Amino acid sequence: MKNLSAFLLIGAFAFALPFEAACETVGAPESSKPLTRLSTDLHPGKLFSSLNKRKKQNKRHKAAKRRTRWAVNG
């Protein structure tokens, strides 16, 4: 039983260490930004960080275009 409790204690430390390291941000505030925000910062011409956002925006743009077309013709 003593052996098992020691094993569990070591396991708990091994489990907690990566989480503790992940929570700490070392360095400049830029390093604490999410990765998607960083990728758009590095490439200013790139407006979308994910394809899903691009798809949504494209859908919105097409709908707006369709509405204006009908408004002009009607």
N, C-alpha and C. Protein backbone atom coordinates (compact mmCIF):
# COMPACT_ATOMS: atom_id res chain seq x y z
N MET A 1 0.82 -1.20 0.00
CA MET A 1 0.00 0.00 0.00
C MET A 1 0.87 1.26 0.00
N LYS A 2 1.96 1.20 0.74
CA LYS A 2 2.87 2.33 0.82
C LYS A 2 3.47 2.63 -0.56
N ASN A 3 3.78 1.57 -1.28
CA ASN A 3 4.36 1.68 -2.61
C ASN A 3 3.36 2.34 -3.58
N LEU A 4 2.10 1.97 -3.45
CA LEU A 4 1.06 2.50 -4.33
C LEU A 4 0.86 4.00 -4.10
N SER A 5 0.86 4.41 -2.84
CA SER A 5 0.66 5.84 -2.54
C SER A 5 1.84 6.67 -3.05
N ALA A 6 3.05 6.13 -2.96
CA ALA A 6 4.22 6.83 -3.49
C ALA A 6 4.11 6.96 -5.01
N PHE A 7 3.65 5.90 -5.65
CA PHE A 7 3.47 5.90 -7.10
C PHE A 7 2.43 6.95 -7.52
N LEU A 8 1.33 7.03 -6.78
CA LEU A 8 0.29 8.00 -7.09
C LEU A 8 0.77 9.43 -6.89
N LEU A 9 1.57 9.64 -5.86
CA LEU A 9 2.11 10.96 -5.57
C LEU A 9 3.03 11.43 -6.70
N ILE A 10 3.90 10.52 -7.15
CA ILE A 10 4.81 10.84 -8.26
C ILE A 10 4.01 11.09 -9.54
N GLY A 11 2.98 10.29 -9.75
CA GLY A 11 2.11 10.45 -10.92
C GLY A 11 1.41 11.80 -10.92
N ALA A 12 0.98 12.23 -9.74
CA ALA A 12 0.30 13.53 -9.63
C ALA A 12 1.26 14.67 -9.97
N PHE A 13 2.49 14.57 -9.51
CA PHE A 13 3.48 15.61 -9.83
C PHE A 13 3.79 15.62 -11.32
N ALA A 14 3.96 14.44 -11.90
CA ALA A 14 4.27 14.33 -13.32
C ALA A 14 3.12 14.88 -14.17
N PHE A 15 1.90 14.71 -13.66
CA PHE A 15 0.72 15.18 -14.37
C PHE A 15 0.58 16.70 -14.26
N ALA A 16 0.91 17.24 -13.09
CA ALA A 16 0.69 18.67 -12.84
C ALA A 16 1.77 19.56 -13.46
N LEU A 17 2.98 19.05 -13.63
CA LEU A 17 4.07 19.87 -14.14
C LEU A 17 3.82 20.47 -15.53
N PRO A 18 3.36 19.69 -16.52
CA PRO A 18 3.13 20.29 -17.84
C PRO A 18 2.07 21.40 -17.81
N PHE A 19 1.04 21.23 -16.97
CA PHE A 19 -0.01 22.24 -16.88
C PHE A 19 0.53 23.53 -16.28
N GLU A 20 1.38 23.39 -15.28
CA GLU A 20 1.97 24.56 -14.64
C GLU A 20 2.86 25.31 -15.63
N ALA A 21 3.60 24.56 -16.42
CA ALA A 21 4.49 25.17 -17.41
C ALA A 21 3.68 25.86 -18.51
N ALA A 22 2.54 25.29 -18.86
CA ALA A 22 1.72 25.86 -19.92
C ALA A 22 1.07 27.17 -19.49
N CYS A 23 0.78 27.29 -18.22
CA CYS A 23 0.10 28.49 -17.72
C CYS A 23 1.04 29.68 -17.61
N GLU A 24 2.31 29.42 -17.38
CA GLU A 24 3.26 30.52 -17.22
C GLU A 24 3.67 31.08 -18.58
N THR A 25 3.65 32.40 -18.70
CA THR A 25 4.13 33.02 -19.93
C THR A 25 5.43 33.74 -19.61
N VAL A 26 6.47 33.34 -20.30
CA VAL A 26 7.78 33.94 -20.07
C VAL A 26 8.13 34.79 -21.27
N GLY A 27 8.60 36.00 -21.03
CA GLY A 27 9.04 36.85 -22.14
C GLY A 27 8.09 37.99 -22.42
N ALA A 28 8.11 38.44 -23.67
CA ALA A 28 7.31 39.60 -24.07
C ALA A 28 5.82 39.27 -24.09
N PRO A 29 4.97 40.28 -24.03
CA PRO A 29 3.52 40.03 -24.07
C PRO A 29 3.06 39.38 -25.38
N GLU A 30 3.86 39.53 -26.45
CA GLU A 30 3.48 38.91 -27.73
C GLU A 30 3.40 37.40 -27.62
N SER A 31 4.22 36.84 -26.74
CA SER A 31 4.25 35.38 -26.62
C SER A 31 2.99 34.85 -25.96
N SER A 32 2.24 35.71 -25.27
CA SER A 32 1.03 35.25 -24.61
C SER A 32 -0.19 35.32 -25.54
N LYS A 33 0.00 35.83 -26.75
CA LYS A 33 -1.11 35.90 -27.70
C LYS A 33 -1.44 34.51 -28.23
N PRO A 34 -2.70 34.27 -28.60
CA PRO A 34 -3.02 32.99 -29.23
C PRO A 34 -2.34 32.86 -30.60
N LEU A 35 -2.16 31.64 -31.04
CA LEU A 35 -1.41 31.40 -32.28
C LEU A 35 -2.11 31.96 -33.50
N THR A 36 -3.44 31.92 -33.54
CA THR A 36 -4.16 32.43 -34.71
C THR A 36 -3.93 33.92 -34.87
N ARG A 37 -3.91 34.64 -33.77
CA ARG A 37 -3.67 36.08 -33.81
C ARG A 37 -2.25 36.36 -34.29
N LEU A 38 -1.31 35.53 -33.84
CA LEU A 38 0.08 35.71 -34.23
C LEU A 38 0.26 35.51 -35.73
N SER A 39 -0.40 34.50 -36.28
CA SER A 39 -0.22 34.21 -37.70
C SER A 39 -0.72 35.36 -38.56
N THR A 40 -1.80 36.03 -38.14
CA THR A 40 -2.29 37.16 -38.92
C THR A 40 -1.41 38.38 -38.71
N ASP A 41 -0.75 38.47 -37.55
CA ASP A 41 0.18 39.58 -37.31
C ASP A 41 1.42 39.44 -38.19
N LEU A 42 1.87 38.22 -38.36
CA LEU A 42 3.07 37.98 -39.15
C LEU A 42 2.81 38.22 -40.64
N HIS A 43 1.58 37.95 -41.07
CA HIS A 43 1.22 38.16 -42.48
C HIS A 43 0.07 39.16 -42.53
N PRO A 44 0.38 40.44 -42.65
CA PRO A 44 -0.68 41.46 -42.62
C PRO A 44 -1.69 41.33 -43.76
N GLY A 45 -1.26 40.82 -44.90
CA GLY A 45 -2.18 40.65 -46.02
C GLY A 45 -3.18 39.53 -45.81
N LYS A 46 -2.85 38.65 -44.90
CA LYS A 46 -3.70 37.49 -44.65
C LYS A 46 -4.79 37.89 -43.65
N LEU A 47 -6.01 38.03 -44.12
CA LEU A 47 -7.08 38.52 -43.26
C LEU A 47 -7.67 37.42 -42.38
N PHE A 48 -7.67 36.20 -42.88
CA PHE A 48 -8.35 35.12 -42.16
C PHE A 48 -7.34 34.14 -41.59
N SER A 49 -7.56 33.77 -40.35
CA SER A 49 -6.66 32.81 -39.72
C SER A 49 -7.12 31.38 -39.99
N SER A 50 -8.38 31.20 -40.36
CA SER A 50 -8.85 29.85 -40.63
C SER A 50 -9.75 29.85 -41.87
N LEU A 51 -9.84 28.70 -42.50
CA LEU A 51 -10.64 28.58 -43.71
C LEU A 51 -12.12 28.74 -43.41
N ASN A 52 -12.54 28.32 -42.22
CA ASN A 52 -13.95 28.41 -41.86
C ASN A 52 -14.40 29.86 -41.80
N LYS A 53 -13.55 30.73 -41.27
CA LYS A 53 -13.89 32.15 -41.20
C LYS A 53 -13.99 32.73 -42.61
N ARG A 54 -13.08 32.30 -43.48
CA ARG A 54 -13.09 32.78 -44.87
C ARG A 54 -14.39 32.36 -45.54
N LYS A 55 -14.79 31.11 -45.29
CA LYS A 55 -16.01 30.58 -45.90
C LYS A 55 -17.23 31.38 -45.44
N LYS A 56 -17.28 31.67 -44.14
CA LYS A 56 -18.40 32.45 -43.59
C LYS A 56 -18.45 33.84 -44.21
N GLN A 57 -17.28 34.47 -44.30
CA GLN A 57 -17.21 35.83 -44.84
C GLN A 57 -17.61 35.83 -46.31
N ASN A 58 -17.18 34.82 -47.04
CA ASN A 58 -17.50 34.70 -48.45
C ASN A 58 -19.01 34.56 -48.65
N LYS A 59 -19.63 33.76 -47.78
CA LYS A 59 -21.07 33.55 -47.82
C LYS A 59 -21.80 34.87 -47.58
N ARG A 60 -21.33 35.61 -46.58
CA ARG A 60 -21.93 36.90 -46.23
C ARG A 60 -21.79 37.88 -47.40
N HIS A 61 -20.61 37.87 -48.01
CA HIS A 61 -20.32 38.77 -49.12
C HIS A 61 -21.22 38.47 -50.32
N LYS A 62 -21.38 37.17 -50.61
CA LYS A 62 -22.24 36.76 -51.73
C LYS A 62 -23.68 37.18 -51.49
N ALA A 63 -24.15 37.01 -50.25
CA ALA A 63 -25.52 37.37 -49.90
C ALA A 63 -25.74 38.87 -50.06
N ALA A 64 -24.76 39.66 -49.63
CA ALA A 64 -24.87 41.12 -49.74
C ALA A 64 -24.90 41.53 -51.21
N LYS A 65 -24.08 40.86 -52.01
CA LYS A 65 -24.03 41.14 -53.44
C LYS A 65 -25.38 40.83 -54.10
N ARG A 66 -25.96 39.70 -53.69
CA ARG A 66 -27.24 39.27 -54.22
C ARG A 66 -28.33 40.29 -53.87
N ARG A 67 -28.30 40.76 -52.63
CA ARG A 67 -29.31 41.74 -52.19
C ARG A 67 -29.21 43.04 -52.98
N THR A 68 -27.99 43.53 -53.18
CA THR A 68 -27.82 44.79 -53.90
C THR A 68 -28.21 44.63 -55.37
N ARG A 69 -27.95 43.47 -55.93
CA ARG A 69 -28.30 43.23 -57.33
C ARG A 69 -29.81 43.31 -57.52
N TRP A 70 -30.55 42.69 -56.59
CA TRP A 70 -32.01 42.72 -56.69
C TRP A 70 -32.54 44.12 -56.43
N ALA A 71 -31.90 44.84 -55.53
CA ALA A 71 -32.35 46.19 -55.20
C ALA A 71 -32.17 47.13 -56.39
N VAL A 72 -31.08 46.95 -57.14
CA VAL A 72 -30.80 47.80 -58.30
C VAL A 72 -31.76 47.46 -59.43
N ASN A 73 -31.96 46.15 -59.67
CA ASN A 73 -32.80 45.73 -60.79
C ASN A 73 -34.28 45.93 -60.49
N GLY A 74 -34.66 45.80 -59.24
CA GLY A 74 -36.09 45.87 -58.88
C GLY A 74 -36.47 47.30 -58.73
